Amino acid sequence: MNQLVAFTDRAPALIAASGDRAAYRFFEFFTANIRNPNTRRA
């Protein structure tokens, strides 16, 4: 059975202390799909 894990359980302590929204944005930043090849290259 799959279980969802809260973002704050896996985020660095500083990010987790900032709240759920900060943890979500932290993971979103590193996992976002960048479609523009020039941006991806930079």
C-alpha atoms as a PDB file:
ATOM      1  CA  MET A   1       0.000   0.000   0.000  1.00  0.00           C
ATOM      2  CA  ASN A   2       1.361   3.415  -0.950  1.00  0.00           C
ATOM      3  CA  GLN A   3       1.415   6.134   1.648  1.00  0.00           C
ATOM      4  CA  LEU A   4       2.054   9.791   1.067  1.00  0.00           C
ATOM      5  CA  VAL A   5       4.815  11.328   3.124  1.00  0.00           C
ATOM      6  CA  ALA A   6       4.551  14.929   4.239  1.00  0.00           C
ATOM      7  CA  PHE A   7       7.108  17.212   2.625  1.00  0.00           C
ATOM      8  CA  THR A   8       8.332  18.337   6.036  1.00  0.00           C
ATOM      9  CA  ASP A   9       9.388  14.763   6.852  1.00  0.00           C
ATOM     10  CA  ARG A  10      12.006  14.800   4.079  1.00  0.00           C
ATOM     11  CA  ALA A  11      12.999  18.460   3.854  1.00  0.00           C
ATOM     12  CA  PRO A  12      16.140  19.914   5.473  1.00  0.00           C
ATOM     13  CA  ALA A  13      15.534  21.196   9.000  1.00  0.00           C
ATOM     14  CA  LEU A  14      15.643  24.878   8.040  1.00  0.00           C
ATOM     15  CA  ILE A  15      13.069  24.389   5.283  1.00  0.00           C
ATOM     16  CA  ALA A  16      10.858  22.133   7.409  1.00  0.00           C
ATOM     17  CA  ALA A  17      10.855  24.718  10.197  1.00  0.00           C
ATOM     18  CA  SER A  18       9.495  27.279   7.729  1.00  0.00           C
ATOM     19  CA  GLY A  19       6.304  25.282   7.207  1.00  0.00           C
ATOM     20  CA  ASP A  20       4.569  23.029   4.715  1.00  0.00           C
ATOM     21  CA  ARG A  21       4.406  25.604   1.933  1.00  0.00           C
ATOM     22  CA  ALA A  22       8.142  26.234   2.103  1.00  0.00           C
ATOM     23  CA  ALA A  23       8.841  22.502   1.997  1.00  0.00           C
ATOM     24  CA  TYR A  24       6.574  22.101  -1.026  1.00  0.00           C
ATOM     25  CA  ARG A  25       8.292  24.968  -2.856  1.00  0.00           C
ATOM     26  CA  PHE A  26      11.717  23.547  -1.980  1.00  0.00           C
ATOM     27  CA  PHE A  27      10.933  20.200  -3.617  1.00  0.00           C
ATOM     28  CA  GLU A  28       9.113  21.849  -6.498  1.00  0.00           C
ATOM     29  CA  PHE A  29      12.229  23.904  -7.285  1.00  0.00           C
ATOM     30  CA  PHE A  30      14.420  20.812  -7.652  1.00  0.00           C
ATOM     31  CA  THR A  31      11.888  18.620  -9.451  1.00  0.00           C
ATOM     32  CA  ALA A  32      10.304  21.094 -11.878  1.00  0.00           C
ATOM     33  CA  ASN A  33      10.333  20.227 -15.573  1.00  0.00           C
ATOM     34  CA  ILE A  34      12.106  22.989 -17.518  1.00  0.00           C
ATOM     35  CA  ARG A  35      10.837  22.899 -21.087  1.00  0.00           C
ATOM     36  CA  ASN A  36      12.921  25.717 -22.559  1.00  0.00           C
ATOM     37  CA  PRO A  37      16.264  24.267 -23.749  1.00  0.00           C
ATOM     38  CA  ASN A  38      18.103  27.577 -23.239  1.00  0.00           C
ATOM     39  CA  THR A  39      16.968  27.840 -19.631  1.00  0.00           C
ATOM     40  CA  ARG A  40      17.820  24.193 -19.009  1.00  0.00           C
ATOM     41  CA  ARG A  41      21.311  24.700 -20.450  1.00  0.00           C
ATOM     42  CA  ALA A  42      21.948  27.768 -18.278  1.00  0.00           C
END
